[in-house]
Amino acid sequence: MSDRTDGIAELGGRSTENAGLGLDPGRIEEALRELVAQADVHGELLPAPLRGHVETILEEVEAGRGNGPETARRLAAVRRVAVPGTPFAPLGRAAEALAAALGLTAG
């Protein structure tokens, strides 16, 4: 998944799109990088549906659609699976941080 992070650096230039929402592109970029890094750590151990959610979240955020209900639903699914006390807990924390950076409520 790390090869998919090329567009993340461009998020800093999207501040005008999110200005009315009070979103910090730098915070979004950092949270998105952490989500991808945690997904990369687990690689093939990550269940396919969870890996698919992370990929789709990345695509949505890169396309400027990351603050919608579908992204919120996917982030909530990642958080539910990646619970504290499991090997995927850091992935859950990264999903929480990204949801907060995007201004999405917990689901």
PDB file of N, CA and C in Angstrom:
ATOM      1  N   MET A   1       0.808  -1.186   0.000  1.00  0.00           N
ATOM      2  CA  MET A   1       0.000   0.000   0.000  1.00  0.00           C
ATOM      3  C   MET A   1       0.858   1.258   0.000  1.00  0.00           C
ATOM      4  N   SER A   2       2.097   1.161   0.470  1.00  0.00           N
ATOM      5  CA  SER A   2       2.922   2.359   0.576  1.00  0.00           C
ATOM      6  C   SER A   2       3.179   3.013  -0.776  1.00  0.00           C
ATOM      7  N   ASP A   3       3.120   2.245  -1.856  1.00  0.00           N
ATOM      8  CA  ASP A   3       3.304   2.861  -3.168  1.00  0.00           C
ATOM      9  C   ASP A   3       2.118   3.740  -3.543  1.00  0.00           C
ATOM     10  N   ARG A   4       1.034   3.664  -2.801  1.00  0.00           N
ATOM     11  CA  ARG A   4      -0.163   4.459  -3.057  1.00  0.00           C
ATOM     12  C   ARG A   4      -0.117   5.810  -2.361  1.00  0.00           C
ATOM     13  N   THR A   5       0.948   6.106  -1.645  1.00  0.00           N
ATOM     14  CA  THR A   5       0.992   7.344  -0.861  1.00  0.00           C
ATOM     15  C   THR A   5       1.542   8.527  -1.633  1.00  0.00           C
ATOM     16  N   ASP A   6       1.811   8.371  -2.912  1.00  0.00           N
ATOM     17  CA  ASP A   6       2.386   9.467  -3.696  1.00  0.00           C
ATOM     18  C   ASP A   6       1.554  10.736  -3.622  1.00  0.00           C
ATOM     19  N   GLY A   7       0.249  10.621  -3.666  1.00  0.00           N
ATOM     20  CA  GLY A   7      -0.628  11.787  -3.674  1.00  0.00           C
ATOM     21  C   GLY A   7      -0.838  12.423  -2.322  1.00  0.00           C
ATOM     22  N   ILE A   8      -0.399  11.777  -1.259  1.00  0.00           N
ATOM     23  CA  ILE A   8      -0.632  12.319   0.076  1.00  0.00           C
ATOM     24  C   ILE A   8       0.027  13.674   0.247  1.00  0.00           C
ATOM     25  N   ALA A   9       1.214  13.839  -0.281  1.00  0.00           N
ATOM     26  CA  ALA A   9       1.917  15.114  -0.124  1.00  0.00           C
ATOM     27  C   ALA A   9       1.143  16.260  -0.751  1.00  0.00           C
ATOM     28  N   GLU A  10       0.308  15.961  -1.732  1.00  0.00           N
ATOM     29  CA  GLU A  10      -0.473  17.002  -2.392  1.00  0.00           C
ATOM     30  C   GLU A  10      -1.624  17.499  -1.537  1.00  0.00           C
ATOM     31  N   LEU A  11      -1.960  16.800  -0.475  1.00  0.00           N
ATOM     32  CA  LEU A  11      -3.091  17.205   0.358  1.00  0.00           C
ATOM     33  C   LEU A  11      -2.884  18.579   0.957  1.00  0.00           C
ATOM     34  N   GLY A  12      -1.640  18.935   1.204  1.00  0.00           N
ATOM     35  CA  GLY A  12      -1.365  20.254   1.760  1.00  0.00           C
ATOM     36  C   GLY A  12      -1.851  21.370   0.866  1.00  0.00           C
ATOM     37  N   GLY A  13      -1.932  21.128  -0.412  1.00  0.00           N
ATOM     38  CA  GLY A  13      -2.403  22.128  -1.351  1.00  0.00           C
ATOM     39  C   GLY A  13      -3.913  22.202  -1.478  1.00  0.00           C
ATOM     40  N   ARG A  14      -4.618  21.405  -0.723  1.00  0.00           N
ATOM     41  CA  ARG A  14      -6.071  21.365  -0.821  1.00  0.00           C
ATOM     42  C   ARG A  14      -6.755  22.192   0.257  1.00  0.00           C
ATOM     43  N   SER A  15      -6.030  23.065   0.906  1.00  0.00           N
ATOM     44  CA  SER A  15      -6.608  23.800   2.026  1.00  0.00           C
ATOM     45  C   SER A  15      -7.807  24.637   1.613  1.00  0.00           C
ATOM     46  N   THR A  16      -7.842  25.121   0.380  1.00  0.00           N
ATOM     47  CA  THR A  16      -8.981  25.934  -0.037  1.00  0.00           C
ATOM     48  C   THR A  16     -10.251  25.104  -0.139  1.00  0.00           C
ATOM     49  N   GLU A  17     -10.141  23.845  -0.496  1.00  0.00           N
ATOM     50  CA  GLU A  17     -11.312  22.975  -0.568  1.00  0.00           C
ATOM     51  C   GLU A  17     -11.917  22.756   0.805  1.00  0.00           C
ATOM     52  N   ASN A  18     -11.069  22.668   1.818  1.00  0.00           N
ATOM     53  CA  ASN A  18     -11.530  22.335   3.156  1.00  0.00           C
ATOM     54  C   ASN A  18     -11.586  23.535   4.085  1.00  0.00           C
ATOM     55  N   ALA A  19     -11.283  24.716   3.581  1.00  0.00           N
ATOM     56  CA  ALA A  19     -11.198  25.896   4.441  1.00  0.00           C
ATOM     57  C   ALA A  19     -12.500  26.161   5.173  1.00  0.00           C
ATOM     58  N   GLY A  20     -13.619  26.021   4.495  1.00  0.00           N
ATOM     59  CA  GLY A  20     -14.899  26.276   5.129  1.00  0.00           C
ATOM     60  C   GLY A  20     -15.256  25.249   6.176  1.00  0.00           C
ATOM     61  N   LEU A  21     -14.613  24.099   6.143  1.00  0.00           N
ATOM     62  CA  LEU A  21     -14.898  23.038   7.093  1.00  0.00           C
ATOM     63  C   LEU A  21     -13.989  23.107   8.311  1.00  0.00           C
ATOM     64  N   GLY A  22     -13.017  24.007   8.309  1.00  0.00           N
ATOM     65  CA  GLY A  22     -12.093  24.125   9.429  1.00  0.00           C
ATOM     66  C   GLY A  22     -11.117  22.964   9.518  1.00  0.00           C
ATOM     67  N   LEU A  23     -10.821  22.314   8.402  1.00  0.00           N
ATOM     68  CA  LEU A  23      -9.929  21.162   8.399  1.00  0.00           C
ATOM     69  C   LEU A  23      -8.495  21.600   8.167  1.00  0.00           C
ATOM     70  N   ASP A  24      -7.575  20.890   8.794  1.00  0.00           N
ATOM     71  CA  ASP A  24      -6.152  21.172   8.677  1.00  0.00           C
ATOM     72  C   ASP A  24      -5.534  20.136   7.734  1.00  0.00           C
ATOM     73  N   PRO A  25      -5.173  20.529   6.504  1.00  0.00           N
ATOM     74  CA  PRO A  25      -4.613  19.569   5.552  1.00  0.00           C
ATOM     75  C   PRO A  25      -3.368  18.860   6.078  1.00  0.00           C
ATOM     76  N   GLY A  26      -2.535  19.547   6.842  1.00  0.00           N
ATOM     77  CA  GLY A  26      -1.342  18.913   7.403  1.00  0.00           C
ATOM     78  C   GLY A  26      -1.698  17.797   8.367  1.00  0.00           C
ATOM     79  N   ARG A  27      -2.712  18.030   9.169  1.00  0.00           N
ATOM     80  CA  ARG A  27      -3.169  17.012  10.126  1.00  0.00           C
ATOM     81  C   ARG A  27      -3.778  15.820   9.381  1.00  0.00           C
ATOM     82  N   ILE A  28      -4.524  16.101   8.319  1.00  0.00           N
ATOM     83  CA  ILE A  28      -5.107  15.029   7.513  1.00  0.00           C
ATOM     84  C   ILE A  28      -3.994  14.205   6.872  1.00  0.00           C
ATOM     85  N   GLU A  29      -3.000  14.896   6.310  1.00  0.00           N
ATOM     86  CA  GLU A  29      -1.878  14.209   5.665  1.00  0.00           C
ATOM     87  C   GLU A  29      -1.161  13.301   6.653  1.00  0.00           C
ATOM     88  N   GLU A  30      -0.872  13.820   7.842  1.00  0.00           N
ATOM     89  CA  GLU A  30      -0.176  13.031   8.862  1.00  0.00           C
ATOM     90  C   GLU A  30      -0.998  11.811   9.270  1.00  0.00           C
ATOM     91  N   ALA A  31      -2.288  11.995   9.488  1.00  0.00           N
ATOM     92  CA  ALA A  31      -3.151  10.889   9.899  1.00  0.00           C
ATOM     93  C   ALA A  31      -3.283   9.850   8.790  1.00  0.00           C
ATOM     94  N   LEU A  32      -3.365  10.306   7.554  1.00  0.00           N
ATOM     95  CA  LEU A  32      -3.479   9.383   6.429  1.00  0.00           C
ATOM     96  C   LEU A  32      -2.195   8.580   6.259  1.00  0.00           C
ATOM     97  N   ARG A  33      -1.058   9.237   6.401  1.00  0.00           N
ATOM     98  CA  ARG A  33       0.227   8.521   6.323  1.00  0.00           C
ATOM     99  C   ARG A  33       0.308   7.443   7.406  1.00  0.00           C
ATOM    100  N   GLU A  34      -0.142   7.763   8.616  1.00  0.00           N
ATOM    101  CA  GLU A  34      -0.100   6.788   9.712  1.00  0.00           C
ATOM    102  C   GLU A  34      -1.024   5.613   9.422  1.00  0.00           C
ATOM    103  N   LEU A  35      -2.203   5.878   8.875  1.00  0.00           N
ATOM    104  CA  LEU A  35      -3.128   4.797   8.535  1.00  0.00           C
ATOM    105  C   LEU A  35      -2.493   3.858   7.511  1.00  0.00           C
ATOM    106  N   VAL A  36      -1.883   4.420   6.480  1.00  0.00           N
ATOM    107  CA  VAL A  36      -1.238   3.610   5.448  1.00  0.00           C
ATOM    108  C   VAL A  36      -0.040   2.867   6.032  1.00  0.00           C
ATOM    109  N   ALA A  37       0.737   3.523   6.878  1.00  0.00           N
ATOM    110  CA  ALA A  37       1.901   2.876   7.499  1.00  0.00           C
ATOM    111  C   ALA A  37       1.469   1.682   8.342  1.00  0.00           C
ATOM    112  N   GLN A  38       0.412   1.845   9.121  1.00  0.00           N
ATOM    113  CA  GLN A  38      -0.064   0.740   9.953  1.00  0.00           C
ATOM    114  C   GLN A  38      -0.599  -0.401   9.096  1.00  0.00           C
ATOM    115  N   ALA A  39      -1.259  -0.077   8.006  1.00  0.00           N
ATOM    116  CA  ALA A  39      -1.737  -1.124   7.097  1.00  0.00           C
ATOM    117  C   ALA A  39      -0.550  -1.854   6.475  1.00  0.00           C
ATOM    118  N   ASP A  40       0.506  -1.121   6.140  1.00  0.00           N
ATOM    119  CA  ASP A  40       1.705  -1.732   5.562  1.00  0.00           C
ATOM    120  C   ASP A  40       2.407  -2.649   6.552  1.00  0.00           C
ATOM    121  N   VAL A  41       2.404  -2.284   7.830  1.00  0.00           N
ATOM    122  CA  VAL A  41       3.058  -3.095   8.856  1.00  0.00           C
ATOM    123  C   VAL A  41       2.471  -4.502   8.860  1.00  0.00           C
ATOM    124  N   HIS A  42       1.170  -4.593   8.711  1.00  0.00           N
ATOM    125  CA  HIS A  42       0.505  -5.890   8.794  1.00  0.00           C
ATOM    126  C   HIS A  42       0.437  -6.616   7.459  1.00  0.00           C
ATOM    127  N   GLY A  43       0.601  -5.888   6.380  1.00  0.00           N
ATOM    128  CA  GLY A  43       0.658  -6.488   5.050  1.00  0.00           C
ATOM    129  C   GLY A  43      -0.409  -7.528   4.799  1.00  0.00           C
ATOM    130  N   GLU A  44       0.035  -8.724   4.472  1.00  0.00           N
ATOM    131  CA  GLU A  44      -0.889  -9.800   4.111  1.00  0.00           C
ATOM    132  C   GLU A  44      -1.675 -10.328   5.305  1.00  0.00           C
ATOM    133  N   LEU A  45      -1.267 -10.008   6.537  1.00  0.00           N
ATOM    134  CA  LEU A  45      -2.030 -10.435   7.711  1.00  0.00           C
ATOM    135  C   LEU A  45      -3.343  -9.675   7.832  1.00  0.00           C
ATOM    136  N   LEU A  46      -3.406  -8.537   7.195  1.00  0.00           N
ATOM    137  CA  LEU A  46      -4.605  -7.710   7.238  1.00  0.00           C
ATOM    138  C   LEU A  46      -5.698  -8.397   6.418  1.00  0.00           C
ATOM    139  N   PRO A  47      -6.857  -8.663   7.028  1.00  0.00           N
ATOM    140  CA  PRO A  47      -7.935  -9.302   6.263  1.00  0.00           C
ATOM    141  C   PRO A  47      -8.282  -8.476   5.022  1.00  0.00           C
ATOM    142  N   ALA A  48      -8.603  -9.157   3.938  1.00  0.00           N
ATOM    143  CA  ALA A  48      -8.878  -8.486   2.665  1.00  0.00           C
ATOM    144  C   ALA A  48      -9.929  -7.385   2.775  1.00  0.00           C
ATOM    145  N   PRO A  49     -11.051  -7.599   3.489  1.00  0.00           N
ATOM    146  CA  PRO A  49     -12.031  -6.507   3.579  1.00  0.00           C
ATOM    147  C   PRO A  49     -11.457  -5.263   4.268  1.00  0.00           C
ATOM    148  N   LEU A  50     -10.647  -5.471   5.283  1.00  0.00           N
ATOM    149  CA  LEU A  50     -10.037  -4.350   5.996  1.00  0.00           C
ATOM    150  C   LEU A  50      -9.038  -3.629   5.095  1.00  0.00           C
ATOM    151  N   ARG A  51      -8.240  -4.404   4.383  1.00  0.00           N
ATOM    152  CA  ARG A  51      -7.283  -3.830   3.436  1.00  0.00           C
ATOM    153  C   ARG A  51      -8.033  -3.028   2.364  1.00  0.00           C
ATOM    154  N   GLY A  52      -9.159  -3.561   1.912  1.00  0.00           N
ATOM    155  CA  GLY A  52      -9.970  -2.862   0.921  1.00  0.00           C
ATOM    156  C   GLY A  52     -10.506  -1.542   1.441  1.00  0.00           C
ATOM    157  N   HIS A  53     -10.928  -1.532   2.710  1.00  0.00           N
ATOM    158  CA  HIS A  53     -11.412  -0.285   3.311  1.00  0.00           C
ATOM    159  C   HIS A  53     -10.304   0.761   3.344  1.00  0.00           C
ATOM    160  N   VAL A  54      -9.104   0.355   3.753  1.00  0.00           N
ATOM    161  CA  VAL A  54      -7.985   1.299   3.837  1.00  0.00           C
ATOM    162  C   VAL A  54      -7.665   1.854   2.449  1.00  0.00           C
ATOM    163  N   GLU A  55      -7.630   0.976   1.440  1.00  0.00           N
ATOM    164  CA  GLU A  55      -7.366   1.426   0.064  1.00  0.00           C
ATOM    165  C   GLU A  55      -8.410   2.442  -0.395  1.00  0.00           C
ATOM    166  N   THR A  56      -9.676   2.141  -0.127  1.00  0.00           N
ATOM    167  CA  THR A  56     -10.757   3.029  -0.569  1.00  0.00           C
ATOM    168  C   THR A  56     -10.718   4.352   0.175  1.00  0.00           C
ATOM    169  N   ILE A  57     -10.423   4.310   1.468  1.00  0.00           N
ATOM    170  CA  ILE A  57     -10.296   5.546   2.255  1.00  0.00           C
ATOM    171  C   ILE A  57      -9.206   6.419   1.644  1.00  0.00           C
ATOM    172  N   LEU A  58      -8.071   5.822   1.336  1.00  0.00           N
ATOM    173  CA  LEU A  58      -6.964   6.558   0.731  1.00  0.00           C
ATOM    174  C   LEU A  58      -7.409   7.205  -0.585  1.00  0.00           C
ATOM    175  N   GLU A  59      -8.092   6.436  -1.421  1.00  0.00           N
ATOM    176  CA  GLU A  59      -8.562   6.968  -2.702  1.00  0.00           C
ATOM    177  C   GLU A  59      -9.540   8.123  -2.500  1.00  0.00           C
ATOM    178  N   GLU A  60     -10.468   7.972  -1.554  1.00  0.00           N
ATOM    179  CA  GLU A  60     -11.466   9.013  -1.309  1.00  0.00           C
ATOM    180  C   GLU A  60     -10.824  10.303  -0.810  1.00  0.00           C
ATOM    181  N   VAL A  61      -9.882  10.171   0.114  1.00  0.00           N
ATOM    182  CA  VAL A  61      -9.226  11.366   0.653  1.00  0.00           C
ATOM    183  C   VAL A  61      -8.395  12.044  -0.428  1.00  0.00           C
ATOM    184  N   GLU A  62      -7.654  11.247  -1.209  1.00  0.00           N
ATOM    185  CA  GLU A  62      -6.844  11.825  -2.282  1.00  0.00           C
ATOM    186  C   GLU A  62      -7.708  12.537  -3.320  1.00  0.00           C
ATOM    187  N   ALA A  63      -8.934  12.057  -3.525  1.00  0.00           N
ATOM    188  CA  ALA A  63      -9.837  12.655  -4.514  1.00  0.00           C
ATOM    189  C   ALA A  63     -10.638  13.820  -3.936  1.00  0.00           C
ATOM    190  N   GLY A  64     -10.413  14.138  -2.652  1.00  0.00           N
ATOM    191  CA  GLY A  64     -11.123  15.248  -2.027  1.00  0.00           C
ATOM    192  C   GLY A  64     -12.519  14.898  -1.548  1.00  0.00           C
ATOM    193  N   ARG A  65     -12.828  13.589  -1.473  1.00  0.00           N
ATOM    194  CA  ARG A  65     -14.145  13.154  -1.012  1.00  0.00           C
ATOM    195  C   ARG A  65     -14.064  12.494   0.358  1.00  0.00           C
ATOM    196  N   GLY A  66     -13.030  12.782   1.120  1.00  0.00           N
ATOM    197  CA  GLY A  66     -12.785  12.076   2.370  1.00  0.00           C
ATOM    198  C   GLY A  66     -13.632  12.472   3.550  1.00  0.00           C
ATOM    199  N   ASN A  67     -14.467  13.483   3.418  1.00  0.00           N
ATOM    200  CA  ASN A  67     -15.256  13.881   4.584  1.00  0.00           C
ATOM    201  C   ASN A  67     -16.728  13.514   4.427  1.00  0.00           C
ATOM    202  N   GLY A  68     -17.013  12.521   3.582  1.00  0.00           N
ATOM    203  CA  GLY A  68     -18.390  12.105   3.353  1.00  0.00           C
ATOM    204  C   GLY A  68     -18.801  10.904   4.185  1.00  0.00           C
ATOM    205  N   PRO A  69     -20.060  10.521   4.081  1.00  0.00           N
ATOM    206  CA  PRO A  69     -20.592   9.424   4.886  1.00  0.00           C
ATOM    207  C   PRO A  69     -19.972   8.065   4.562  1.00  0.00           C
ATOM    208  N   GLU A  70     -19.579   7.840   3.316  1.00  0.00           N
ATOM    209  CA  GLU A  70     -18.966   6.554   2.973  1.00  0.00           C
ATOM    210  C   GLU A  70     -17.595   6.409   3.631  1.00  0.00           C
ATOM    211  N   THR A  71     -16.818   7.485   3.636  1.00  0.00           N
ATOM    212  CA  THR A  71     -15.519   7.437   4.308  1.00  0.00           C
ATOM    213  C   THR A  71     -15.725   7.228   5.802  1.00  0.00           C
ATOM    214  N   ALA A  72     -16.699   7.908   6.376  1.00  0.00           N
ATOM    215  CA  ALA A  72     -16.996   7.741   7.806  1.00  0.00           C
ATOM    216  C   ALA A  72     -17.365   6.293   8.105  1.00  0.00           C
ATOM    217  N   ARG A  73     -18.157   5.688   7.240  1.00  0.00           N
ATOM    218  CA  ARG A  73     -18.562   4.292   7.434  1.00  0.00           C
ATOM    219  C   ARG A  73     -17.349   3.363   7.363  1.00  0.00           C
ATOM    220  N   ARG A  74     -16.475   3.600   6.396  1.00  0.00           N
ATOM    221  CA  ARG A  74     -15.291   2.746   6.252  1.00  0.00           C
ATOM    222  C   ARG A  74     -14.334   2.908   7.436  1.00  0.00           C
ATOM    223  N   LEU A  75     -14.136   4.149   7.875  1.00  0.00           N
ATOM    224  CA  LEU A  75     -13.267   4.374   9.034  1.00  0.00           C
ATOM    225  C   LEU A  75     -13.852   3.710  10.277  1.00  0.00           C
ATOM    226  N   ALA A  76     -15.157   3.765  10.440  1.00  0.00           N
ATOM    227  CA  ALA A  76     -15.803   3.105  11.578  1.00  0.00           C
ATOM    228  C   ALA A  76     -15.597   1.595  11.505  1.00  0.00           C
ATOM    229  N   ALA A  77     -15.666   1.024  10.308  1.00  0.00           N
ATOM    230  CA  ALA A  77     -15.442  -0.414  10.143  1.00  0.00           C
ATOM    231  C   ALA A  77     -14.012  -0.784  10.516  1.00  0.00           C
ATOM    232  N   VAL A  78     -13.053   0.029  10.107  1.00  0.00           N
ATOM    233  CA  VAL A  78     -11.653  -0.229  10.463  1.00  0.00           C
ATOM    234  C   VAL A  78     -11.489  -0.145  11.978  1.00  0.00           C
ATOM    235  N   ARG A  79     -12.084   0.867  12.609  1.00  0.00           N
ATOM    236  CA  ARG A  79     -11.968   1.017  14.064  1.00  0.00           C
ATOM    237  C   ARG A  79     -12.609  -0.159  14.799  1.00  0.00           C
ATOM    238  N   ARG A  80     -13.719  -0.680  14.305  1.00  0.00           N
ATOM    239  CA  ARG A  80     -14.384  -1.811  14.973  1.00  0.00           C
ATOM    240  C   ARG A  80     -13.528  -3.066  14.930  1.00  0.00           C
ATOM    241  N   VAL A  81     -12.860  -3.301  13.818  1.00  0.00           N
ATOM    242  CA  VAL A  81     -12.044  -4.504  13.674  1.00  0.00           C
ATOM    243  C   VAL A  81     -10.717  -4.359  14.407  1.00  0.00           C
ATOM    244  N   ALA A  82     -10.161  -3.181  14.396  1.00  0.00           N
ATOM    245  CA  ALA A  82      -8.835  -2.933  14.972  1.00  0.00           C
ATOM    246  C   ALA A  82      -8.977  -2.431  16.409  1.00  0.00           C
ATOM    247  N   VAL A  83      -9.446  -3.306  17.279  1.00  0.00           N
ATOM    248  CA  VAL A  83      -9.731  -2.924  18.663  1.00  0.00           C
ATOM    249  C   VAL A  83      -8.487  -3.023  19.544  1.00  0.00           C
ATOM    250  N   PRO A  84      -8.468  -2.270  20.656  1.00  0.00           N
ATOM    251  CA  PRO A  84      -7.352  -2.364  21.598  1.00  0.00           C
ATOM    252  C   PRO A  84      -7.163  -3.805  22.069  1.00  0.00           C
ATOM    253  N   GLY A  85      -5.917  -4.176  22.250  1.00  0.00           N
ATOM    254  CA  GLY A  85      -5.592  -5.518  22.704  1.00  0.00           C
ATOM    255  C   GLY A  85      -5.389  -6.510  21.565  1.00  0.00           C
ATOM    256  N   THR A  86      -5.588  -6.069  20.332  1.00  0.00           N
ATOM    257  CA  THR A  86      -5.347  -6.930  19.176  1.00  0.00           C
ATOM    258  C   THR A  86      -4.121  -6.416  18.432  1.00  0.00           C
ATOM    259  N   PRO A  87      -3.553  -7.236  17.558  1.00  0.00           N
ATOM    260  CA  PRO A  87      -2.399  -6.759  16.787  1.00  0.00           C
ATOM    261  C   PRO A  87      -2.719  -5.559  15.899  1.00  0.00           C
ATOM    262  N   PHE A  88      -3.998  -5.362  15.600  1.00  0.00           N
ATOM    263  CA  PHE A  88      -4.388  -4.270  14.718  1.00  0.00           C
ATOM    264  C   PHE A  88      -4.776  -3.003  15.468  1.00  0.00           C
ATOM    265  N   ALA A  89      -4.565  -2.955  16.778  1.00  0.00           N
ATOM    266  CA  ALA A  89      -4.940  -1.770  17.570  1.00  0.00           C
ATOM    267  C   ALA A  89      -4.329  -0.475  17.024  1.00  0.00           C
ATOM    268  N   PRO A  90      -3.045  -0.454  16.630  1.00  0.00           N
ATOM    269  CA  PRO A  90      -2.496   0.790  16.075  1.00  0.00           C
ATOM    270  C   PRO A  90      -3.219   1.242  14.805  1.00  0.00           C
ATOM    271  N   LEU A  91      -3.708   0.296  14.019  1.00  0.00           N
ATOM    272  CA  LEU A  91      -4.478   0.644  12.828  1.00  0.00           C
ATOM    273  C   LEU A  91      -5.783   1.322  13.237  1.00  0.00           C
ATOM    274  N   GLY A  92      -6.401   0.826  14.296  1.00  0.00           N
ATOM    275  CA  GLY A  92      -7.625   1.447  14.803  1.00  0.00           C
ATOM    276  C   GLY A  92      -7.385   2.856  15.293  1.00  0.00           C
ATOM    277  N   ARG A  93      -6.274   3.054  16.002  1.00  0.00           N
ATOM    278  CA  ARG A  93      -5.936   4.403  16.478  1.00  0.00           C
ATOM    279  C   ARG A  93      -5.664   5.338  15.302  1.00  0.00           C
ATOM    280  N   ALA A  94      -5.014   4.822  14.269  1.00  0.00           N
ATOM    281  CA  ALA A  94      -4.747   5.637  13.079  1.00  0.00           C
ATOM    282  C   ALA A  94      -6.057   6.010  12.381  1.00  0.00           C
ATOM    283  N   ALA A  95      -7.000   5.079  12.332  1.00  0.00           N
ATOM    284  CA  ALA A  95      -8.308   5.367  11.731  1.00  0.00           C
ATOM    285  C   ALA A  95      -9.047   6.424  12.547  1.00  0.00           C
ATOM    286  N   GLU A  96      -8.958   6.335  13.874  1.00  0.00           N
ATOM    287  CA  GLU A  96      -9.580   7.347  14.741  1.00  0.00           C
ATOM    288  C   GLU A  96      -8.976   8.720  14.496  1.00  0.00           C
ATOM    289  N   ALA A  97      -7.653   8.770  14.394  1.00  0.00           N
ATOM    290  CA  ALA A  97      -6.974  10.049  14.167  1.00  0.00           C
ATOM    291  C   ALA A  97      -7.372  10.648  12.819  1.00  0.00           C
ATOM    292  N   LEU A  98      -7.496   9.807  11.800  1.00  0.00           N
ATOM    293  CA  LEU A  98      -7.895  10.311  10.488  1.00  0.00           C
ATOM    294  C   LEU A  98      -9.338  10.800  10.523  1.00  0.00           C
ATOM    295  N   ALA A  99     -10.209  10.064  11.184  1.00  0.00           N
ATOM    296  CA  ALA A  99     -11.609  10.498  11.302  1.00  0.00           C
ATOM    297  C   ALA A  99     -11.684  11.856  11.991  1.00  0.00           C
ATOM    298  N   ALA A 100     -10.903  12.030  13.051  1.00  0.00           N
ATOM    299  CA  ALA A 100     -10.892  13.313  13.761  1.00  0.00           C
ATOM    300  C   ALA A 100     -10.349  14.424  12.863  1.00  0.00           C
ATOM    301  N   ALA A 101      -9.276  14.128  12.125  1.00  0.00           N
ATOM    302  CA  ALA A 101      -8.687  15.135  11.237  1.00  0.00           C
ATOM    303  C   ALA A 101      -9.657  15.544  10.128  1.00  0.00           C
ATOM    304  N   LEU A 102     -10.491  14.597   9.695  1.00  0.00           N
ATOM    305  CA  LEU A 102     -11.465  14.877   8.639  1.00  0.00           C
ATOM    306  C   LEU A 102     -12.755  15.486   9.182  1.00  0.00           C
ATOM    307  N   GLY A 103     -12.847  15.568  10.514  1.00  0.00           N
ATOM    308  CA  GLY A 103     -14.051  16.133  11.121  1.00  0.00           C
ATOM    309  C   GLY A 103     -15.229  15.183  11.109  1.00  0.00           C
ATOM    310  N   LEU A 104     -14.949  13.877  11.056  1.00  0.00           N
ATOM    311  CA  LEU A 104     -16.006  12.870  11.035  1.00  0.00           C
ATOM    312  C   LEU A 104     -16.279  12.382  12.447  1.00  0.00           C
ATOM    313  N   THR A 105     -17.520  12.113  12.758  1.00  0.00           N
ATOM    314  CA  THR A 105     -17.875  11.614  14.084  1.00  0.00           C
ATOM    315  C   THR A 105     -17.613  10.127  14.150  1.00  0.00           C
ATOM    316  N   ALA A 106     -17.407   9.626  15.358  1.00  0.00           N
ATOM    317  CA  ALA A 106     -17.172   8.196  15.557  1.00  0.00           C
ATOM    318  C   ALA A 106     -18.417   7.424  15.153  1.00  0.00           C
ATOM    319  N   GLY A 107     -18.184   6.284  14.534  1.00  0.00           N
ATOM    320  CA  GLY A 107     -19.313   5.475  14.077  1.00  0.00           C
ATOM    321  C   GLY A 107     -19.333   4.112  14.643  1.00  0.00           C
TER     322      GLY A 107
END
